[in-house]
């Protein structure tokens, strides 16, 4: 056992000592002892704790791999996430206003992918242990919406019906306005008896929709999500913001950024998280590669009242980004790409010179790279707002406001 001082946190939330040595569940300034295994410290004991250290609110924290930062105060985590954003931007010479982090409350995750495993005596529901294939049951999870925990028994029944003993199920559970929406991967191949048993279980347990390996087995009613004044039933497995708090925060930030723009293009629009609220005041053109998501967005708009025109386009923006002549029809752009960012689309945006750009990102590093390209082309980065939908994790999201100089 050797003694070490934790200097800072890495991007995955682990403490880092000289070496570098990585020490999970530690904080900057702490003196710890541990066993060195390559670049990792194990058997860690806190000798001198940080003033930011707190008791983890979840009884599963030490064994479950779902959270990385429950040992740190909320204030510390919020400031650390804002600092990660600031440092990513500073690496490209950018120093905009970085607002204080907006953090979703505990037990607010409206969607979770759980591991469901058959055992000799029944079935287990939970998450994997940190850096391990070992599964941990999480009946007291402080992260997910309590409504998700209410279907744990149903998930166990699904495993008994449709899981093999060799491989666990991956069950994505989503809270909708109409009930619980469950999508399962990794189960037995569908045949007549299995399909019938699953449909019967869906009916007896009150699931609003059950999807098995991308096939809808049963749907009592479309599982709707509210996007502004519109209601959308996303296709099974579609992207959805992690919490309603985070979704509403991002929608408000996008509206602030877009301002009084009359014509807006929403790139990587998903099912309309931003398009439909924006349509309360602007004409919107939504672009997304997944056609079923676009169709769901359009149905949501068609049945809503009081919205301005919304058009949709199913298009792969990585292979076919919108070109300057297409972008120049709009007063503002909303850009919400995957973690890799949007190198090619950003290049076209720099040539189009649309007055306002609102950028939503789940990766500060690729966002900073794209932001540098945009500012070099004449955009000014006015502000960045970290939004923490993944409470107690190292994951960071943000919204940013760009204007042409």
Protein backbone atom coordinates (compact mmCIF):
# COMPACT_ATOMS: atom_id res chain seq x y z
CA UNK A 1 0.00 0.00 0.00
CA UNK A 2 1.32 3.42 -0.95
CA UNK A 3 0.09 6.95 -0.26
CA UNK A 4 -1.00 9.36 -3.00
CA UNK A 5 -2.58 12.79 -3.37
CA UNK A 6 -5.48 13.20 -5.80
CA UNK A 7 -4.76 16.17 -8.07
CA UNK A 8 -7.84 16.36 -10.28
CA UNK A 9 -10.72 14.42 -11.79
CA UNK A 10 -10.51 12.82 -15.22
CA UNK A 11 -13.28 12.98 -17.82
CA UNK A 12 -14.70 9.66 -16.55
CA UNK A 13 -15.00 10.96 -12.99
CA UNK A 14 -12.02 9.06 -11.55
CA UNK A 15 -9.53 10.88 -9.34
CA UNK A 16 -6.05 11.22 -10.85
CA UNK A 17 -2.80 11.15 -8.86
CA UNK A 18 0.75 11.62 -10.14
CA UNK A 19 1.80 8.88 -12.55
CA UNK A 20 -0.90 9.19 -13.72
CA UNK A 21 -2.74 6.82 -11.42
CA UNK A 22 -6.53 6.56 -11.63
CA UNK A 23 -8.52 6.17 -8.42
CA UNK A 24 -12.33 5.80 -8.61
CA UNK A 25 -14.54 7.44 -5.98
CA UNK A 26 -11.88 9.96 -4.93
CA UNK A 27 -11.81 13.76 -5.09
CA UNK A 28 -9.17 16.45 -5.71
CA UNK A 29 -7.07 17.26 -2.64
CA UNK A 30 -7.68 13.92 -0.94
CA UNK A 31 -4.83 11.82 0.45
CA UNK A 32 -5.46 8.13 -0.23
CA UNK A 33 -3.66 4.83 0.08
CA UNK A 34 -4.00 1.99 -2.38
CA UNK A 35 -2.39 -0.79 -4.36
CA UNK A 36 -0.89 0.17 -7.71
CA UNK A 37 -2.03 -2.03 -10.61
CA UNK A 38 -0.53 -0.55 -13.76
CA UNK A 39 -2.18 2.85 -14.01
CA UNK A 40 -4.97 2.06 -11.52
CA UNK A 41 -5.24 2.23 -7.74
CA UNK A 42 -7.24 -0.50 -6.02
CA UNK A 43 -8.08 -1.26 -2.38
CA UNK A 44 -8.38 2.49 -1.89
CA UNK A 45 -8.64 3.97 1.59
CA UNK A 46 -9.33 7.66 2.17
CA UNK A 47 -6.78 9.06 4.62
CA UNK A 48 -7.66 12.76 4.33
CA UNK A 49 -11.13 13.37 2.85
CA UNK A 50 -12.13 16.40 0.79
CA UNK A 51 -14.60 18.89 2.24
CA UNK A 52 -16.70 18.10 -0.86
CA UNK A 53 -17.02 14.41 0.08
CA UNK A 54 -20.55 13.34 1.08
CA UNK A 55 -22.28 10.09 1.97
CA UNK A 56 -23.62 8.46 -1.20
CA UNK A 57 -27.45 8.71 -1.25
CA UNK A 58 -27.83 5.27 -2.89
CA UNK A 59 -27.20 2.02 -1.03
CA UNK A 60 -26.00 0.38 -4.27
CA UNK A 61 -23.35 2.98 -5.11
CA UNK A 62 -20.21 1.07 -4.20
CA UNK A 63 -21.17 -1.99 -6.24
CA UNK A 64 -23.30 -0.58 -9.10
CA UNK A 65 -21.66 0.95 -12.15
CA UNK A 66 -24.53 3.28 -13.01
CA UNK A 67 -23.11 6.33 -11.18
CA UNK A 68 -19.55 7.63 -10.73
CA UNK A 69 -19.89 10.72 -8.52
CA UNK A 70 -22.33 10.13 -5.67
CA UNK A 71 -19.46 10.60 -3.21
CA UNK A 72 -19.19 14.28 -4.23
CA UNK A 73 -21.44 17.16 -3.22
CA UNK A 74 -23.96 18.45 -5.76
CA UNK A 75 -22.18 21.81 -5.83
CA UNK A 76 -18.84 20.18 -6.59
CA UNK A 77 -20.27 18.05 -9.42
CA UNK A 78 -22.07 21.01 -11.00
CA UNK A 79 -18.95 23.18 -10.89
CA UNK A 80 -16.74 20.33 -12.15
CA UNK A 81 -18.99 19.77 -15.17
CA UNK A 82 -18.95 23.47 -16.02
CA UNK A 83 -15.15 23.43 -15.68
CA UNK A 84 -14.87 20.46 -18.08
CA UNK A 85 -16.79 22.49 -20.66
CA UNK A 86 -14.62 25.57 -20.05
CA UNK A 87 -11.38 23.59 -20.38
CA UNK A 88 -12.54 21.91 -23.60
CA UNK A 89 -13.25 25.34 -25.11
CA UNK A 90 -10.02 26.86 -23.75
CA UNK A 91 -8.06 24.17 -25.59
CA UNK A 92 -9.28 25.87 -28.79
CA UNK A 93 -8.69 29.41 -27.53
CA UNK A 94 -12.36 30.05 -26.69
CA UNK A 95 -13.51 31.77 -23.51
CA UNK A 96 -17.28 32.37 -23.66
CA UNK A 97 -19.67 32.78 -20.77
CA UNK A 98 -20.24 29.32 -19.27
CA UNK A 99 -23.36 29.45 -17.17
CA UNK A 100 -23.88 27.46 -13.94
CA UNK A 101 -24.89 23.85 -14.55
CA UNK A 102 -28.61 22.99 -14.53
CA UNK A 103 -28.97 19.61 -12.79
CA UNK A 104 -31.98 17.27 -13.01
CA UNK A 105 -33.36 16.10 -9.66
CA UNK A 106 -32.87 12.62 -8.22
CA UNK A 107 -35.20 9.83 -9.38
CA UNK A 108 -36.04 11.69 -12.57
CA UNK A 109 -34.60 9.49 -15.33
CA UNK A 110 -37.58 8.74 -17.57
CA UNK A 111 -35.74 6.08 -19.52
CA UNK A 112 -33.32 3.32 -18.49
CA UNK A 113 -31.81 0.24 -20.12
CA UNK A 114 -31.73 -2.50 -17.50
CA UNK A 115 -30.09 -5.91 -17.53
CA UNK A 116 -32.56 -8.73 -16.85
CA UNK A 117 -31.08 -12.15 -16.16
CA UNK A 118 -32.59 -15.56 -15.54
CA UNK A 119 -31.28 -17.47 -12.56
CA UNK A 120 -31.85 -20.93 -11.12
CA UNK A 121 -34.57 -19.61 -8.84
CA UNK A 122 -36.09 -16.80 -10.88
CA UNK A 123 -34.72 -13.63 -12.44
CA UNK A 124 -32.73 -10.50 -11.54
CA UNK A 125 -33.11 -6.88 -12.69
CA UNK A 126 -30.34 -4.29 -12.39
CA UNK A 127 -27.17 -2.77 -13.78
CA UNK A 128 -23.66 -4.10 -14.27
CA UNK A 129 -21.08 -3.58 -11.57
CA UNK A 130 -18.35 -1.02 -12.27
CA UNK A 131 -15.93 -2.35 -14.96
CA UNK A 132 -17.42 -5.83 -14.66
CA UNK A 133 -19.89 -8.27 -16.19
CA UNK A 134 -21.31 -8.93 -12.72
CA UNK A 135 -24.91 -7.83 -12.42
CA UNK A 136 -26.17 -5.86 -9.40
CA UNK A 137 -29.84 -5.63 -8.44
CA UNK A 138 -30.89 -2.02 -7.72
CA UNK A 139 -34.26 -1.92 -5.91
CA UNK A 140 -33.26 1.35 -4.15
CA UNK A 141 -31.83 3.12 -7.22
CA UNK A 142 -31.91 6.89 -6.68
CA UNK A 143 -31.47 7.70 -10.36
CA UNK A 144 -34.50 6.28 -12.19
CA UNK A 145 -38.12 7.38 -12.01
CA UNK A 146 -39.98 5.28 -9.39
CA UNK A 147 -42.45 4.25 -12.13
CA UNK A 148 -39.63 2.29 -13.78
CA UNK A 149 -38.99 0.36 -10.57
CA UNK A 150 -42.68 -0.57 -10.49
CA UNK A 151 -42.21 -2.77 -13.60
CA UNK A 152 -39.23 -4.75 -12.23
CA UNK A 153 -41.52 -7.72 -11.49
CA UNK A 154 -42.84 -7.55 -15.05
CA UNK A 155 -39.29 -7.59 -16.38
CA UNK A 156 -38.55 -10.68 -14.30
CA UNK A 157 -41.59 -12.37 -15.83
CA UNK A 158 -40.35 -11.40 -19.30
CA UNK A 159 -37.04 -13.07 -18.54
CA UNK A 160 -38.73 -16.26 -17.36
CA UNK A 161 -40.74 -16.38 -20.58
CA UNK A 162 -38.24 -15.23 -23.18
CA UNK A 163 -34.64 -15.25 -21.90
CA UNK A 164 -32.13 -18.07 -22.09
CA UNK A 165 -29.91 -18.93 -19.13
CA UNK A 166 -26.85 -18.11 -21.26
CA UNK A 167 -27.52 -14.45 -22.09
CA UNK A 168 -29.35 -11.65 -20.24
CA UNK A 169 -31.98 -9.39 -21.75
CA UNK A 170 -31.41 -5.68 -22.32
CA UNK A 171 -34.74 -4.06 -21.46
CA UNK A 172 -35.22 -0.37 -22.25
CA UNK A 173 -38.04 1.01 -20.12
CA UNK A 174 -39.53 4.42 -20.92
CA UNK A 175 -42.08 6.39 -18.92
CA UNK A 176 -44.76 7.74 -21.26
CA UNK A 177 -47.86 9.82 -20.62
CA UNK A 178 -49.95 6.69 -21.13
CA UNK A 179 -47.96 4.04 -19.25
CA UNK A 180 -44.76 2.05 -19.45
CA UNK A 181 -43.12 1.37 -22.80
CA UNK A 182 -40.74 -1.62 -22.83
CA UNK A 183 -38.36 -2.65 -25.62
CA UNK A 184 -36.32 -5.85 -25.27
CA UNK A 185 -33.16 -7.02 -27.01
CA UNK A 186 -31.27 -10.30 -26.58
CA UNK A 187 -34.24 -12.60 -26.07
CA UNK A 188 -35.21 -15.92 -27.60
CA UNK A 189 -36.23 -15.91 -31.28
CA UNK A 190 -39.91 -15.16 -31.71
CA UNK A 191 -42.25 -18.05 -32.54
CA UNK A 192 -45.99 -18.50 -32.16
CA UNK A 193 -46.04 -19.65 -28.52
CA UNK A 194 -43.55 -16.99 -27.38
CA UNK A 195 -45.42 -14.25 -29.21
CA UNK A 196 -48.66 -15.32 -27.58
CA UNK A 197 -47.13 -15.52 -24.10
CA UNK A 198 -45.57 -12.06 -24.45
CA UNK A 199 -48.84 -10.53 -25.68
CA UNK A 200 -50.70 -12.08 -22.74
CA UNK A 201 -48.11 -10.73 -20.29
CA UNK A 202 -48.37 -7.25 -21.82
CA UNK A 203 -52.14 -7.35 -21.36
CA UNK A 204 -52.07 -8.69 -17.80
CA UNK A 205 -49.42 -6.25 -16.54
CA UNK A 206 -50.76 -3.14 -18.25
CA UNK A 207 -47.68 -2.28 -20.32
CA UNK A 208 -48.64 0.32 -22.88
CA UNK A 209 -46.33 -1.21 -25.50
CA UNK A 210 -44.02 -4.22 -25.65
CA UNK A 211 -41.38 -4.54 -28.37
CA UNK A 212 -39.28 -7.69 -28.80
CA UNK A 213 -36.19 -7.50 -31.02
CA UNK A 214 -37.67 -4.53 -32.95
CA UNK A 215 -41.06 -6.18 -33.46
CA UNK A 216 -44.04 -4.66 -31.66
CA UNK A 217 -45.74 -7.54 -29.84
CA UNK A 218 -48.61 -5.59 -28.35
CA UNK A 219 -49.65 -1.94 -27.99
CA UNK A 220 -52.61 -0.94 -25.85
CA UNK A 221 -52.30 2.69 -26.99
CA UNK A 222 -49.48 4.72 -28.55
CA UNK A 223 -47.04 5.75 -25.75
CA UNK A 224 -47.03 9.54 -26.06
CA UNK A 225 -44.44 12.12 -25.04
CA UNK A 226 -45.27 15.83 -24.68
CA UNK A 227 -43.10 18.18 -26.75
CA UNK A 228 -44.50 21.62 -26.05
CA UNK A 229 -48.21 21.53 -26.86
CA UNK A 230 -47.84 18.54 -29.20
CA UNK A 231 -47.95 14.84 -28.30
CA UNK A 232 -45.68 12.37 -30.08
CA UNK A 233 -45.53 8.56 -29.89
CA UNK A 234 -41.86 7.78 -30.65
CA UNK A 235 -41.05 4.52 -32.45
CA UNK A 236 -39.59 1.77 -30.23
CA UNK A 237 -36.01 2.51 -29.22
CA UNK A 238 -36.04 6.11 -30.45
CA UNK A 239 -33.78 8.70 -28.84
CA UNK A 240 -35.40 10.59 -25.99
CA UNK A 241 -33.95 13.13 -23.57
CA UNK A 242 -33.00 11.42 -20.31
CA UNK A 243 -35.23 13.49 -18.00
CA UNK A 244 -38.26 15.70 -18.45
CA UNK A 245 -36.44 18.39 -16.47
CA UNK A 246 -33.52 18.27 -18.90
CA UNK A 247 -35.81 18.22 -21.93
CA UNK A 248 -37.70 21.31 -20.76
CA UNK A 249 -34.45 23.09 -19.86
CA UNK A 250 -32.99 22.47 -23.31
CA UNK A 251 -36.23 23.52 -25.01
CA UNK A 252 -36.19 26.81 -23.10
CA UNK A 253 -32.53 27.40 -23.99
CA UNK A 254 -33.19 26.70 -27.68
CA UNK A 255 -36.10 29.15 -27.65
CA UNK A 256 -33.89 31.76 -25.98
CA UNK A 257 -31.18 31.26 -28.58
CA UNK A 258 -33.48 31.22 -31.62
CA UNK A 259 -35.33 34.32 -30.42
CA UNK A 260 -37.72 35.86 -32.94
CA UNK A 261 -36.56 33.83 -35.95
CA UNK A 262 -39.47 33.17 -38.29
CA UNK A 263 -37.98 30.20 -40.18
CA UNK A 264 -35.93 27.56 -38.35
CA UNK A 265 -34.23 24.36 -39.54
CA UNK A 266 -33.78 21.64 -36.90
CA UNK A 267 -30.91 19.30 -37.81
CA UNK A 268 -30.77 15.83 -36.18
CA UNK A 269 -34.34 16.57 -35.08
CA UNK A 270 -35.24 13.17 -33.64
CA UNK A 271 -38.96 12.95 -32.89
CA UNK A 272 -39.39 16.69 -32.47
CA UNK A 273 -38.10 17.52 -28.99
CA UNK A 274 -37.18 21.01 -30.27
CA UNK A 275 -39.06 21.24 -33.57
CA UNK A 276 -42.53 21.11 -32.09
CA UNK A 277 -42.04 23.63 -29.25
CA UNK A 278 -40.35 25.98 -31.76
CA UNK A 279 -43.37 25.64 -34.07
CA UNK A 280 -45.42 27.60 -31.54
CA UNK A 281 -43.73 30.75 -32.93
CA UNK A 282 -41.81 29.80 -36.10
CA UNK A 283 -42.05 27.73 -39.26
CA UNK A 284 -39.81 24.68 -38.80
CA UNK A 285 -38.12 22.27 -41.19
CA UNK A 286 -37.04 19.10 -39.33
CA UNK A 287 -34.28 16.86 -40.70
CA UNK A 288 -33.39 13.41 -39.34
CA UNK A 289 -32.08 10.21 -40.93
CA UNK A 290 -34.65 7.93 -39.28
CA UNK A 291 -37.90 8.04 -41.29
CA UNK A 292 -40.14 6.48 -38.60
CA UNK A 293 -39.02 9.22 -36.21
CA UNK A 294 -39.83 11.85 -38.81
CA UNK A 295 -43.25 10.30 -39.38
CA UNK A 296 -43.92 10.32 -35.62
CA UNK A 297 -42.94 14.00 -35.45
CA UNK A 298 -45.23 14.85 -38.35
CA UNK A 299 -48.19 13.00 -36.80
CA UNK A 300 -47.60 14.90 -33.57
CA UNK A 301 -47.68 18.21 -35.44
CA UNK A 302 -50.72 17.27 -37.54
CA UNK A 303 -52.87 16.51 -34.49
CA UNK A 304 -51.69 19.52 -32.48
CA UNK A 305 -53.45 22.88 -32.59
CA UNK A 306 -52.06 26.37 -32.89
CA UNK A 307 -48.69 25.42 -34.40
CA UNK A 308 -47.10 27.03 -37.42
CA UNK A 309 -46.16 24.89 -40.46
CA UNK A 310 -43.71 22.03 -39.90
CA UNK A 311 -42.08 20.12 -42.75
CA UNK A 312 -39.96 16.99 -42.45
CA UNK A 313 -37.08 15.46 -44.39
CA UNK A 314 -35.56 12.00 -43.83
CA UNK A 315 -31.89 12.55 -44.69
CA UNK A 316 -28.53 11.24 -43.49
CA UNK A 317 -26.75 14.45 -42.49
CA UNK A 318 -23.40 12.69 -42.19
CA UNK A 319 -23.49 11.60 -45.84
CA UNK A 320 -25.60 14.47 -47.19
CA UNK A 321 -25.35 17.57 -45.02
CA UNK A 322 -27.61 20.46 -45.93
CA UNK A 323 -25.79 22.75 -48.34
CA UNK A 324 -25.52 26.57 -48.12
CA UNK A 325 -28.28 27.23 -50.65
CA UNK A 326 -30.62 25.02 -48.62
CA UNK A 327 -29.65 26.57 -45.29
CA UNK A 328 -29.91 30.18 -46.46
CA UNK A 329 -33.72 29.95 -46.52
CA UNK A 330 -33.72 29.99 -42.72
CA UNK A 331 -33.19 32.63 -40.03
CA UNK A 332 -31.87 30.17 -37.43
CA UNK A 333 -30.38 26.70 -37.21
CA UNK A 334 -30.78 24.18 -34.40
CA UNK A 335 -28.05 21.54 -34.41
CA UNK A 336 -28.19 18.51 -32.07
CA UNK A 337 -25.75 15.89 -33.41
CA UNK A 338 -24.61 12.61 -31.81
CA UNK A 339 -21.44 12.43 -29.70
CA UNK A 340 -19.18 12.56 -32.76
CA UNK A 341 -20.34 16.08 -33.55
CA UNK A 342 -21.10 17.28 -37.06
CA UNK A 343 -17.88 18.14 -38.91
CA UNK A 344 -19.29 18.13 -42.44
CA UNK A 345 -22.55 19.84 -41.54
CA UNK A 346 -20.69 22.54 -39.59
CA UNK A 347 -18.51 23.17 -42.64
CA UNK A 348 -21.64 23.87 -44.72
CA UNK A 349 -23.09 26.09 -41.98
CA UNK A 350 -19.96 28.26 -42.02
CA UNK A 351 -20.53 28.90 -45.73
CA UNK A 352 -24.26 29.54 -45.40
CA UNK A 353 -23.83 32.35 -42.82
CA UNK A 354 -27.26 31.92 -41.23
CA UNK A 355 -27.58 34.64 -38.52
CA UNK A 356 -28.28 32.40 -35.50
CA UNK A 357 -27.14 28.92 -34.55
CA UNK A 358 -28.27 26.98 -31.48
CA UNK A 359 -26.05 23.97 -30.81
CA UNK A 360 -26.94 21.13 -28.40
CA UNK A 361 -24.17 18.65 -27.60
CA UNK A 362 -23.58 15.59 -25.41
CA UNK A 363 -19.78 15.75 -25.85
CA UNK A 364 -17.86 18.89 -24.79
CA UNK A 365 -14.75 17.80 -26.71
CA UNK A 366 -16.37 17.47 -30.14
CA UNK A 367 -18.52 20.53 -29.42
CA UNK A 368 -15.39 22.60 -28.72
CA UNK A 369 -13.85 21.37 -31.98
CA UNK A 370 -16.95 22.41 -33.95
CA UNK A 371 -17.22 25.69 -32.02
CA UNK A 372 -13.65 26.59 -33.03
CA UNK A 373 -14.52 26.07 -36.71
CA UNK A 374 -17.65 28.18 -36.37
CA UNK A 375 -15.89 31.07 -34.60
CA UNK A 376 -13.06 31.06 -37.13
CA UNK A 377 -15.69 31.50 -39.88
CA UNK A 378 -17.24 34.58 -38.26
CA UNK A 379 -19.65 33.26 -35.63
CA UNK A 380 -19.49 34.54 -32.05
CA UNK A 381 -20.12 32.07 -29.22
CA UNK A 382 -22.27 34.13 -26.84
CA UNK A 383 -22.91 31.60 -24.07
CA UNK A 384 -22.76 27.93 -23.14
CA UNK A 385 -25.15 26.30 -20.68
CA UNK A 386 -24.22 22.89 -19.18
CA UNK A 387 -27.28 20.72 -18.58
CA UNK A 388 -26.83 17.70 -16.31
CA UNK A 389 -29.52 15.13 -17.10
CA UNK A 390 -27.18 12.30 -16.05
CA UNK A 391 -26.92 13.18 -12.39
CA UNK A 392 -23.95 11.65 -10.52
CA UNK A 393 -22.33 10.52 -13.78
CA UNK A 394 -19.41 11.94 -15.74
CA UNK A 395 -21.68 12.56 -18.74
CA UNK A 396 -22.11 16.23 -19.69
CA UNK A 397 -24.59 17.89 -22.03
CA UNK A 398 -24.82 21.52 -23.05
CA UNK A 399 -26.63 24.09 -25.13
CA UNK A 400 -24.83 26.98 -26.85
CA UNK A 401 -25.80 30.17 -28.64
CA UNK A 402 -23.89 31.41 -31.72
CA UNK A 403 -24.55 34.58 -33.74
CA UNK A 404 -22.88 35.92 -36.86
CA UNK A 405 -20.46 38.72 -36.08
